[in-house]
Amino acid sequence: MNPHFPDPNTLATLVTNVTNTMCGISFEPDHDYQHDADAPWRLATLAIPGQRSIVVALCSSLAGCQALGAALFSCPADTLDQSMLDDSLCELLNMAAGQIKSALGLDQALGLPKIVEEPDLNKKVERAVREGVMLRSPQNHGLLIWVSEGGL
């Protein structure tokens, strides 16, 4: 983790500030996380361009996206379509990036969240897993967050 960015506990708190308010889910760092390369992942990125250009990425498994989407939309997970899953991940990323921007004291506008698609998805997920912070909720929802200067 870059020493110029929030530490894992702070990142968990910043994400929880959003998720606890929106859907009653809290997160803490998962230091024992074992990546399953075969797990289907969704990845959303958001740039914060400016004097100190930052990229924030959120990555979640399909099960994690379904749990978050169901909580955000207040509906059963099996009623969510792909656009709803993507919207919930992007909405969470947008708010988490705002929290991170404030914590870093950046006076820069947030970019728009984007879902990463193939062929770049696997390569970017691998980098996020290697360099990011895995968060876990008591409900066993996993969410990977990655903050970097430059790009993913």
N, C-alpha and C. Protein backbone atom coordinates (compact mmCIF):
# COMPACT_ATOMS: atom_id res chain seq x y z
N MET A 1 0.85 -1.19 0.00
CA MET A 1 0.00 0.00 0.00
C MET A 1 0.88 1.23 0.00
N ASN A 2 0.54 2.20 -0.80
CA ASN A 2 1.27 3.45 -0.91
C ASN A 2 1.12 4.25 0.39
N PRO A 3 2.25 4.72 0.98
CA PRO A 3 2.15 5.47 2.25
C PRO A 3 1.46 6.83 2.10
N HIS A 4 1.27 7.28 0.86
CA HIS A 4 0.62 8.57 0.63
C HIS A 4 -0.90 8.43 0.47
N PHE A 5 -1.39 7.23 0.67
CA PHE A 5 -2.82 6.96 0.60
C PHE A 5 -3.31 6.44 1.94
N PRO A 6 -4.63 6.45 2.16
CA PRO A 6 -5.15 5.91 3.42
C PRO A 6 -4.75 4.45 3.61
N ASP A 7 -4.47 4.08 4.87
CA ASP A 7 -4.12 2.70 5.20
C ASP A 7 -5.37 1.82 5.11
N PRO A 8 -5.20 0.48 5.16
CA PRO A 8 -6.36 -0.42 5.01
C PRO A 8 -7.50 -0.14 5.99
N ASN A 9 -7.20 0.15 7.25
CA ASN A 9 -8.27 0.42 8.21
C ASN A 9 -9.03 1.69 7.84
N THR A 10 -8.30 2.71 7.40
CA THR A 10 -8.95 3.96 7.00
C THR A 10 -9.79 3.74 5.75
N LEU A 11 -9.26 2.99 4.77
CA LEU A 11 -10.05 2.69 3.57
C LEU A 11 -11.34 1.96 3.94
N ALA A 12 -11.24 0.99 4.86
CA ALA A 12 -12.44 0.26 5.30
C ALA A 12 -13.44 1.23 5.93
N THR A 13 -12.95 2.16 6.73
CA THR A 13 -13.83 3.14 7.36
C THR A 13 -14.49 4.04 6.32
N LEU A 14 -13.71 4.50 5.33
CA LEU A 14 -14.26 5.37 4.29
C LEU A 14 -15.33 4.67 3.47
N VAL A 15 -15.08 3.41 3.11
CA VAL A 15 -16.09 2.64 2.37
C VAL A 15 -17.31 2.39 3.25
N THR A 16 -17.08 2.05 4.51
CA THR A 16 -18.18 1.78 5.43
C THR A 16 -19.03 3.03 5.66
N ASN A 17 -18.41 4.21 5.63
CA ASN A 17 -19.19 5.46 5.75
C ASN A 17 -20.29 5.51 4.69
N VAL A 18 -20.00 4.96 3.53
CA VAL A 18 -20.96 4.94 2.43
C VAL A 18 -21.91 3.75 2.56
N THR A 19 -21.37 2.55 2.67
CA THR A 19 -22.21 1.35 2.63
C THR A 19 -23.10 1.22 3.86
N ASN A 20 -22.62 1.64 5.00
CA ASN A 20 -23.44 1.51 6.21
C ASN A 20 -24.65 2.43 6.12
N THR A 21 -24.46 3.64 5.60
CA THR A 21 -25.56 4.58 5.42
C THR A 21 -26.54 4.10 4.37
N MET A 22 -26.00 3.60 3.25
CA MET A 22 -26.85 3.22 2.12
C MET A 22 -27.56 1.90 2.31
N CYS A 23 -26.87 0.93 2.91
CA CYS A 23 -27.48 -0.41 2.95
C CYS A 23 -27.14 -1.22 4.20
N GLY A 24 -26.60 -0.59 5.22
CA GLY A 24 -26.37 -1.27 6.49
C GLY A 24 -25.26 -2.31 6.46
N ILE A 25 -24.30 -2.17 5.55
CA ILE A 25 -23.18 -3.12 5.45
C ILE A 25 -21.90 -2.40 5.83
N SER A 26 -21.14 -3.01 6.73
CA SER A 26 -19.86 -2.43 7.13
C SER A 26 -18.72 -3.34 6.66
N PHE A 27 -17.52 -2.77 6.56
CA PHE A 27 -16.36 -3.52 6.08
C PHE A 27 -15.17 -3.34 7.00
N GLU A 28 -14.29 -4.33 6.97
CA GLU A 28 -13.00 -4.26 7.64
C GLU A 28 -11.97 -4.90 6.73
N PRO A 29 -10.68 -4.58 6.90
CA PRO A 29 -9.67 -5.20 6.05
C PRO A 29 -9.64 -6.71 6.23
N ASP A 30 -9.44 -7.41 5.14
CA ASP A 30 -9.32 -8.88 5.16
C ASP A 30 -7.87 -9.21 4.81
N HIS A 31 -7.05 -9.37 5.85
CA HIS A 31 -5.63 -9.62 5.66
C HIS A 31 -5.33 -11.05 5.23
N ASP A 32 -6.29 -11.94 5.35
CA ASP A 32 -6.08 -13.36 5.03
C ASP A 32 -6.72 -13.75 3.70
N TYR A 33 -7.08 -12.80 2.89
CA TYR A 33 -7.77 -13.06 1.65
C TYR A 33 -6.93 -13.90 0.69
N GLN A 34 -7.56 -14.91 0.11
CA GLN A 34 -6.94 -15.75 -0.91
C GLN A 34 -7.70 -15.56 -2.21
N HIS A 35 -7.02 -15.03 -3.22
CA HIS A 35 -7.67 -14.73 -4.49
C HIS A 35 -7.98 -16.01 -5.27
N ASP A 36 -9.20 -16.11 -5.76
CA ASP A 36 -9.61 -17.20 -6.63
C ASP A 36 -9.61 -16.67 -8.06
N ALA A 37 -8.59 -17.02 -8.82
CA ALA A 37 -8.44 -16.49 -10.18
C ALA A 37 -9.61 -16.85 -11.08
N ASP A 38 -10.36 -17.88 -10.73
CA ASP A 38 -11.49 -18.30 -11.56
C ASP A 38 -12.80 -17.62 -11.18
N ALA A 39 -12.80 -16.85 -10.10
CA ALA A 39 -14.03 -16.18 -9.66
C ALA A 39 -14.39 -15.07 -10.65
N PRO A 40 -15.65 -14.98 -11.02
CA PRO A 40 -16.05 -13.88 -11.91
C PRO A 40 -16.05 -12.55 -11.14
N TRP A 41 -15.39 -11.56 -11.66
CA TRP A 41 -15.27 -10.28 -11.01
C TRP A 41 -15.90 -9.18 -11.86
N ARG A 42 -16.37 -8.14 -11.21
CA ARG A 42 -16.77 -6.90 -11.87
C ARG A 42 -15.83 -5.84 -11.32
N LEU A 43 -15.36 -4.98 -12.19
CA LEU A 43 -14.40 -3.95 -11.82
C LEU A 43 -14.88 -2.61 -12.36
N ALA A 44 -14.92 -1.62 -11.49
CA ALA A 44 -15.26 -0.26 -11.88
C ALA A 44 -14.12 0.66 -11.46
N THR A 45 -13.78 1.60 -12.32
CA THR A 45 -12.72 2.56 -12.01
C THR A 45 -13.27 3.98 -12.11
N LEU A 46 -12.63 4.87 -11.37
CA LEU A 46 -13.01 6.28 -11.38
C LEU A 46 -11.74 7.11 -11.24
N ALA A 47 -11.52 8.00 -12.17
CA ALA A 47 -10.36 8.88 -12.14
C ALA A 47 -10.71 10.17 -11.39
N ILE A 48 -9.71 10.69 -10.69
CA ILE A 48 -9.80 12.01 -10.07
C ILE A 48 -8.64 12.80 -10.68
N PRO A 49 -8.89 13.39 -11.87
CA PRO A 49 -7.80 14.08 -12.56
C PRO A 49 -7.46 15.42 -11.90
N GLY A 50 -6.22 15.84 -12.10
CA GLY A 50 -5.81 17.12 -11.56
C GLY A 50 -4.33 17.14 -11.27
N GLN A 51 -3.93 18.05 -10.40
CA GLN A 51 -2.52 18.19 -10.05
C GLN A 51 -1.96 16.87 -9.51
N ARG A 52 -2.74 16.18 -8.71
CA ARG A 52 -2.38 14.85 -8.22
C ARG A 52 -3.42 13.88 -8.76
N SER A 53 -3.19 13.33 -9.94
CA SER A 53 -4.16 12.44 -10.57
C SER A 53 -4.22 11.11 -9.83
N ILE A 54 -5.43 10.75 -9.43
CA ILE A 54 -5.68 9.54 -8.65
C ILE A 54 -6.69 8.68 -9.41
N VAL A 55 -6.56 7.38 -9.28
CA VAL A 55 -7.57 6.45 -9.78
C VAL A 55 -8.01 5.58 -8.60
N VAL A 56 -9.31 5.44 -8.45
CA VAL A 56 -9.88 4.56 -7.43
C VAL A 56 -10.62 3.46 -8.17
N ALA A 57 -10.42 2.22 -7.76
CA ALA A 57 -11.10 1.08 -8.37
C ALA A 57 -11.79 0.27 -7.29
N LEU A 58 -12.97 -0.23 -7.61
CA LEU A 58 -13.69 -1.17 -6.76
C LEU A 58 -13.92 -2.43 -7.57
N CYS A 59 -13.72 -3.55 -6.93
CA CYS A 59 -13.83 -4.84 -7.60
C CYS A 59 -14.61 -5.76 -6.67
N SER A 60 -15.54 -6.50 -7.23
CA SER A 60 -16.33 -7.41 -6.42
C SER A 60 -16.70 -8.64 -7.24
N SER A 61 -16.85 -9.74 -6.55
CA SER A 61 -17.33 -10.95 -7.20
C SER A 61 -18.79 -10.78 -7.57
N LEU A 62 -19.30 -11.67 -8.39
CA LEU A 62 -20.71 -11.62 -8.76
C LEU A 62 -21.59 -11.71 -7.51
N ALA A 63 -21.26 -12.61 -6.60
CA ALA A 63 -22.05 -12.76 -5.37
C ALA A 63 -22.02 -11.47 -4.55
N GLY A 64 -20.84 -10.84 -4.48
CA GLY A 64 -20.73 -9.57 -3.75
C GLY A 64 -21.55 -8.48 -4.40
N CYS A 65 -21.49 -8.39 -5.73
CA CYS A 65 -22.29 -7.39 -6.46
C CYS A 65 -23.78 -7.62 -6.24
N GLN A 66 -24.19 -8.89 -6.24
CA GLN A 66 -25.60 -9.20 -6.04
C GLN A 66 -26.05 -8.79 -4.64
N ALA A 67 -25.22 -9.06 -3.63
CA ALA A 67 -25.58 -8.70 -2.26
C ALA A 67 -25.66 -7.19 -2.09
N LEU A 68 -24.67 -6.48 -2.63
CA LEU A 68 -24.68 -5.02 -2.54
C LEU A 68 -25.85 -4.43 -3.34
N GLY A 69 -26.06 -4.93 -4.56
CA GLY A 69 -27.16 -4.44 -5.38
C GLY A 69 -28.52 -4.68 -4.73
N ALA A 70 -28.70 -5.87 -4.17
CA ALA A 70 -29.97 -6.18 -3.50
C ALA A 70 -30.20 -5.25 -2.33
N ALA A 71 -29.14 -4.97 -1.57
CA ALA A 71 -29.28 -4.06 -0.43
C ALA A 71 -29.55 -2.63 -0.90
N LEU A 72 -28.85 -2.19 -1.94
CA LEU A 72 -29.04 -0.82 -2.43
C LEU A 72 -30.41 -0.61 -3.06
N PHE A 73 -30.87 -1.60 -3.83
CA PHE A 73 -32.16 -1.47 -4.51
C PHE A 73 -33.33 -2.01 -3.67
N SER A 74 -33.02 -2.56 -2.51
CA SER A 74 -34.05 -3.14 -1.62
C SER A 74 -34.94 -4.13 -2.37
N CYS A 75 -34.27 -5.10 -3.00
CA CYS A 75 -35.01 -6.12 -3.74
C CYS A 75 -34.23 -7.43 -3.68
N PRO A 76 -34.88 -8.54 -4.02
CA PRO A 76 -34.16 -9.82 -4.03
C PRO A 76 -33.04 -9.83 -5.07
N ALA A 77 -31.93 -10.46 -4.74
CA ALA A 77 -30.76 -10.51 -5.62
C ALA A 77 -31.10 -11.10 -6.98
N ASP A 78 -32.01 -12.09 -7.01
CA ASP A 78 -32.32 -12.75 -8.29
C ASP A 78 -33.16 -11.89 -9.23
N THR A 79 -33.58 -10.71 -8.77
CA THR A 79 -34.33 -9.80 -9.65
C THR A 79 -33.44 -8.74 -10.29
N LEU A 80 -32.16 -8.72 -9.94
CA LEU A 80 -31.23 -7.72 -10.47
C LEU A 80 -30.71 -8.14 -11.83
N ASP A 81 -30.71 -7.21 -12.78
CA ASP A 81 -30.08 -7.50 -14.07
C ASP A 81 -28.66 -6.92 -14.05
N GLN A 82 -27.90 -7.17 -15.11
CA GLN A 82 -26.51 -6.73 -15.15
C GLN A 82 -26.37 -5.22 -15.02
N SER A 83 -27.26 -4.47 -15.63
CA SER A 83 -27.15 -3.01 -15.53
C SER A 83 -27.37 -2.53 -14.10
N MET A 84 -28.24 -3.18 -13.37
CA MET A 84 -28.47 -2.82 -11.97
C MET A 84 -27.24 -3.16 -11.12
N LEU A 85 -26.62 -4.31 -11.39
CA LEU A 85 -25.40 -4.69 -10.67
C LEU A 85 -24.29 -3.68 -10.94
N ASP A 86 -24.12 -3.31 -12.21
CA ASP A 86 -23.09 -2.34 -12.58
C ASP A 86 -23.39 -0.97 -11.96
N ASP A 87 -24.65 -0.56 -12.00
CA ASP A 87 -25.03 0.73 -11.42
C ASP A 87 -24.73 0.78 -9.92
N SER A 88 -25.01 -0.30 -9.21
CA SER A 88 -24.76 -0.30 -7.77
C SER A 88 -23.26 -0.24 -7.47
N LEU A 89 -22.44 -0.96 -8.25
CA LEU A 89 -20.99 -0.91 -8.04
C LEU A 89 -20.46 0.49 -8.36
N CYS A 90 -20.94 1.08 -9.44
CA CYS A 90 -20.49 2.43 -9.82
C CYS A 90 -20.94 3.48 -8.81
N GLU A 91 -22.15 3.35 -8.31
CA GLU A 91 -22.64 4.30 -7.30
C GLU A 91 -21.81 4.21 -6.03
N LEU A 92 -21.52 3.01 -5.59
CA LEU A 92 -20.68 2.82 -4.41
C LEU A 92 -19.28 3.40 -4.66
N LEU A 93 -18.72 3.14 -5.84
CA LEU A 93 -17.40 3.67 -6.18
C LEU A 93 -17.41 5.20 -6.16
N ASN A 94 -18.42 5.80 -6.75
CA ASN A 94 -18.51 7.25 -6.79
C ASN A 94 -18.48 7.85 -5.38
N MET A 95 -19.26 7.28 -4.49
CA MET A 95 -19.31 7.81 -3.13
C MET A 95 -18.04 7.50 -2.34
N ALA A 96 -17.47 6.31 -2.52
CA ALA A 96 -16.23 5.97 -1.83
C ALA A 96 -15.09 6.85 -2.33
N ALA A 97 -15.04 7.11 -3.63
CA ALA A 97 -14.00 7.97 -4.19
C ALA A 97 -14.13 9.39 -3.63
N GLY A 98 -15.35 9.84 -3.43
CA GLY A 98 -15.56 11.15 -2.81
C GLY A 98 -15.02 11.19 -1.39
N GLN A 99 -15.23 10.12 -0.64
CA GLN A 99 -14.69 10.02 0.72
C GLN A 99 -13.15 10.03 0.69
N ILE A 100 -12.57 9.29 -0.25
CA ILE A 100 -11.11 9.21 -0.36
C ILE A 100 -10.54 10.56 -0.78
N LYS A 101 -11.18 11.22 -1.73
CA LYS A 101 -10.77 12.55 -2.19
C LYS A 101 -10.74 13.53 -1.01
N SER A 102 -11.77 13.50 -0.19
CA SER A 102 -11.83 14.38 0.98
C SER A 102 -10.73 14.04 1.98
N ALA A 103 -10.52 12.74 2.21
CA ALA A 103 -9.48 12.31 3.15
C ALA A 103 -8.09 12.73 2.71
N LEU A 104 -7.88 12.79 1.39
CA LEU A 104 -6.58 13.20 0.84
C LEU A 104 -6.47 14.72 0.69
N GLY A 105 -7.56 15.43 0.96
CA GLY A 105 -7.55 16.88 0.86
C GLY A 105 -7.40 17.39 -0.57
N LEU A 106 -7.93 16.65 -1.52
CA LEU A 106 -7.81 17.03 -2.93
C LEU A 106 -8.93 17.99 -3.33
N ASP A 107 -8.57 19.08 -3.98
CA ASP A 107 -9.55 20.02 -4.51
C ASP A 107 -9.64 19.77 -6.01
N GLN A 108 -10.15 18.61 -6.37
CA GLN A 108 -10.24 18.16 -7.75
C GLN A 108 -11.60 17.51 -7.96
N ALA A 109 -12.11 17.62 -9.17
CA ALA A 109 -13.41 17.03 -9.49
C ALA A 109 -13.28 15.53 -9.71
N LEU A 110 -14.30 14.80 -9.31
CA LEU A 110 -14.36 13.37 -9.58
C LEU A 110 -14.72 13.13 -11.03
N GLY A 111 -14.09 12.14 -11.64
CA GLY A 111 -14.50 11.70 -12.96
C GLY A 111 -15.73 10.83 -12.84
N LEU A 112 -16.09 10.19 -13.93
CA LEU A 112 -17.25 9.29 -13.93
C LEU A 112 -16.78 7.84 -13.78
N PRO A 113 -17.51 7.04 -13.01
CA PRO A 113 -17.15 5.62 -12.89
C PRO A 113 -17.35 4.89 -14.21
N LYS A 114 -16.47 3.94 -14.47
CA LYS A 114 -16.56 3.14 -15.69
C LYS A 114 -16.38 1.68 -15.33
N ILE A 115 -17.19 0.84 -15.93
CA ILE A 115 -17.03 -0.61 -15.78
C ILE A 115 -15.96 -1.07 -16.76
N VAL A 116 -15.00 -1.84 -16.28
CA VAL A 116 -13.94 -2.37 -17.14
C VAL A 116 -14.43 -3.68 -17.75
N GLU A 117 -14.32 -3.77 -19.04
CA GLU A 117 -14.75 -4.96 -19.78
C GLU A 117 -13.54 -5.71 -20.33
N GLU A 118 -13.77 -6.90 -20.83
CA GLU A 118 -12.72 -7.64 -21.53
C GLU A 118 -12.28 -6.83 -22.74
N PRO A 119 -11.07 -6.88 -23.19
CA PRO A 119 -10.02 -7.82 -22.81
C PRO A 119 -9.17 -7.34 -21.64
N ASP A 120 -9.41 -6.12 -21.13
CA ASP A 120 -8.57 -5.57 -20.06
C ASP A 120 -8.94 -6.05 -18.67
N LEU A 121 -10.10 -6.66 -18.51
CA LEU A 121 -10.62 -6.98 -17.19
C LEU A 121 -9.68 -7.85 -16.37
N ASN A 122 -9.29 -9.02 -16.86
CA ASN A 122 -8.48 -9.94 -16.06
C ASN A 122 -7.15 -9.34 -15.65
N LYS A 123 -6.49 -8.64 -16.56
CA LYS A 123 -5.20 -8.01 -16.25
C LYS A 123 -5.36 -6.96 -15.16
N LYS A 124 -6.41 -6.16 -15.24
CA LYS A 124 -6.63 -5.10 -14.26
C LYS A 124 -7.09 -5.66 -12.91
N VAL A 125 -7.90 -6.71 -12.93
CA VAL A 125 -8.30 -7.35 -11.68
C VAL A 125 -7.06 -7.92 -10.98
N GLU A 126 -6.19 -8.58 -11.73
CA GLU A 126 -4.97 -9.14 -11.13
C GLU A 126 -4.13 -8.05 -10.48
N ARG A 127 -3.99 -6.90 -11.14
CA ARG A 127 -3.21 -5.81 -10.55
C ARG A 127 -3.89 -5.27 -9.30
N ALA A 128 -5.20 -5.09 -9.36
CA ALA A 128 -5.93 -4.59 -8.20
C ALA A 128 -5.81 -5.57 -7.03
N VAL A 129 -5.88 -6.86 -7.29
CA VAL A 129 -5.73 -7.87 -6.24
C VAL A 129 -4.33 -7.80 -5.63
N ARG A 130 -3.35 -7.63 -6.48
CA ARG A 130 -1.95 -7.58 -6.03
C ARG A 130 -1.66 -6.33 -5.21
N GLU A 131 -2.22 -5.19 -5.61
CA GLU A 131 -1.85 -3.91 -5.00
C GLU A 131 -2.93 -3.30 -4.12
N GLY A 132 -4.14 -3.82 -4.19
CA GLY A 132 -5.25 -3.21 -3.48
C GLY A 132 -5.43 -3.74 -2.07
N VAL A 133 -6.52 -3.33 -1.46
CA VAL A 133 -6.89 -3.75 -0.11
C VAL A 133 -8.21 -4.50 -0.19
N MET A 134 -8.21 -5.74 0.27
CA MET A 134 -9.44 -6.52 0.30
C MET A 134 -10.20 -6.20 1.57
N LEU A 135 -11.47 -5.91 1.42
CA LEU A 135 -12.34 -5.63 2.54
C LEU A 135 -13.36 -6.75 2.65
N ARG A 136 -13.77 -7.06 3.86
CA ARG A 136 -14.75 -8.11 4.10
C ARG A 136 -15.77 -7.58 5.09
N SER A 137 -17.03 -7.92 4.87
CA SER A 137 -18.09 -7.52 5.79
C SER A 137 -18.44 -8.69 6.70
N PRO A 138 -19.08 -8.41 7.83
CA PRO A 138 -19.55 -9.51 8.69
C PRO A 138 -20.52 -10.44 7.96
N GLN A 139 -21.21 -9.91 6.94
CA GLN A 139 -22.14 -10.72 6.15
C GLN A 139 -21.39 -11.51 5.07
N ASN A 140 -20.07 -11.42 5.08
CA ASN A 140 -19.19 -12.14 4.15
C ASN A 140 -19.24 -11.60 2.72
N HIS A 141 -19.53 -10.32 2.58
CA HIS A 141 -19.43 -9.67 1.29
C HIS A 141 -17.99 -9.21 1.11
N GLY A 142 -17.39 -9.52 -0.02
CA GLY A 142 -16.03 -9.08 -0.28
C GLY A 142 -16.02 -7.93 -1.27
N LEU A 143 -15.14 -6.97 -1.04
CA LEU A 143 -15.00 -5.82 -1.91
C LEU A 143 -13.53 -5.42 -1.92
N LEU A 144 -12.96 -5.36 -3.10
CA LEU A 144 -11.57 -4.97 -3.24
C LEU A 144 -11.52 -3.50 -3.63
N ILE A 145 -10.71 -2.72 -2.93
CA ILE A 145 -10.54 -1.31 -3.27
C ILE A 145 -9.08 -1.07 -3.56
N TRP A 146 -8.83 -0.26 -4.57
CA TRP A 146 -7.46 0.02 -5.00
C TRP A 146 -7.37 1.50 -5.32
N VAL A 147 -6.34 2.16 -4.78
CA VAL A 147 -6.13 3.58 -5.00
C VAL A 147 -4.71 3.73 -5.55
N SER A 148 -4.57 4.53 -6.60
CA SER A 148 -3.25 4.68 -7.22
C SER A 148 -3.12 6.05 -7.86
N GLU A 149 -1.89 6.53 -7.92
CA GLU A 149 -1.62 7.70 -8.74
C GLU A 149 -1.41 7.22 -10.15
N GLY A 150 -1.93 7.93 -11.11
CA GLY A 150 -1.79 7.50 -12.50
C GLY A 150 -2.99 6.69 -12.92
N GLY A 151 -2.77 5.47 -13.36
CA GLY A 151 -3.88 4.65 -13.86
C GLY A 151 -3.77 3.21 -13.44
N LEU A 152 -4.79 2.48 -13.73
CA LEU A 152 -4.84 1.04 -13.43
C LEU A 152 -4.46 0.27 -14.66
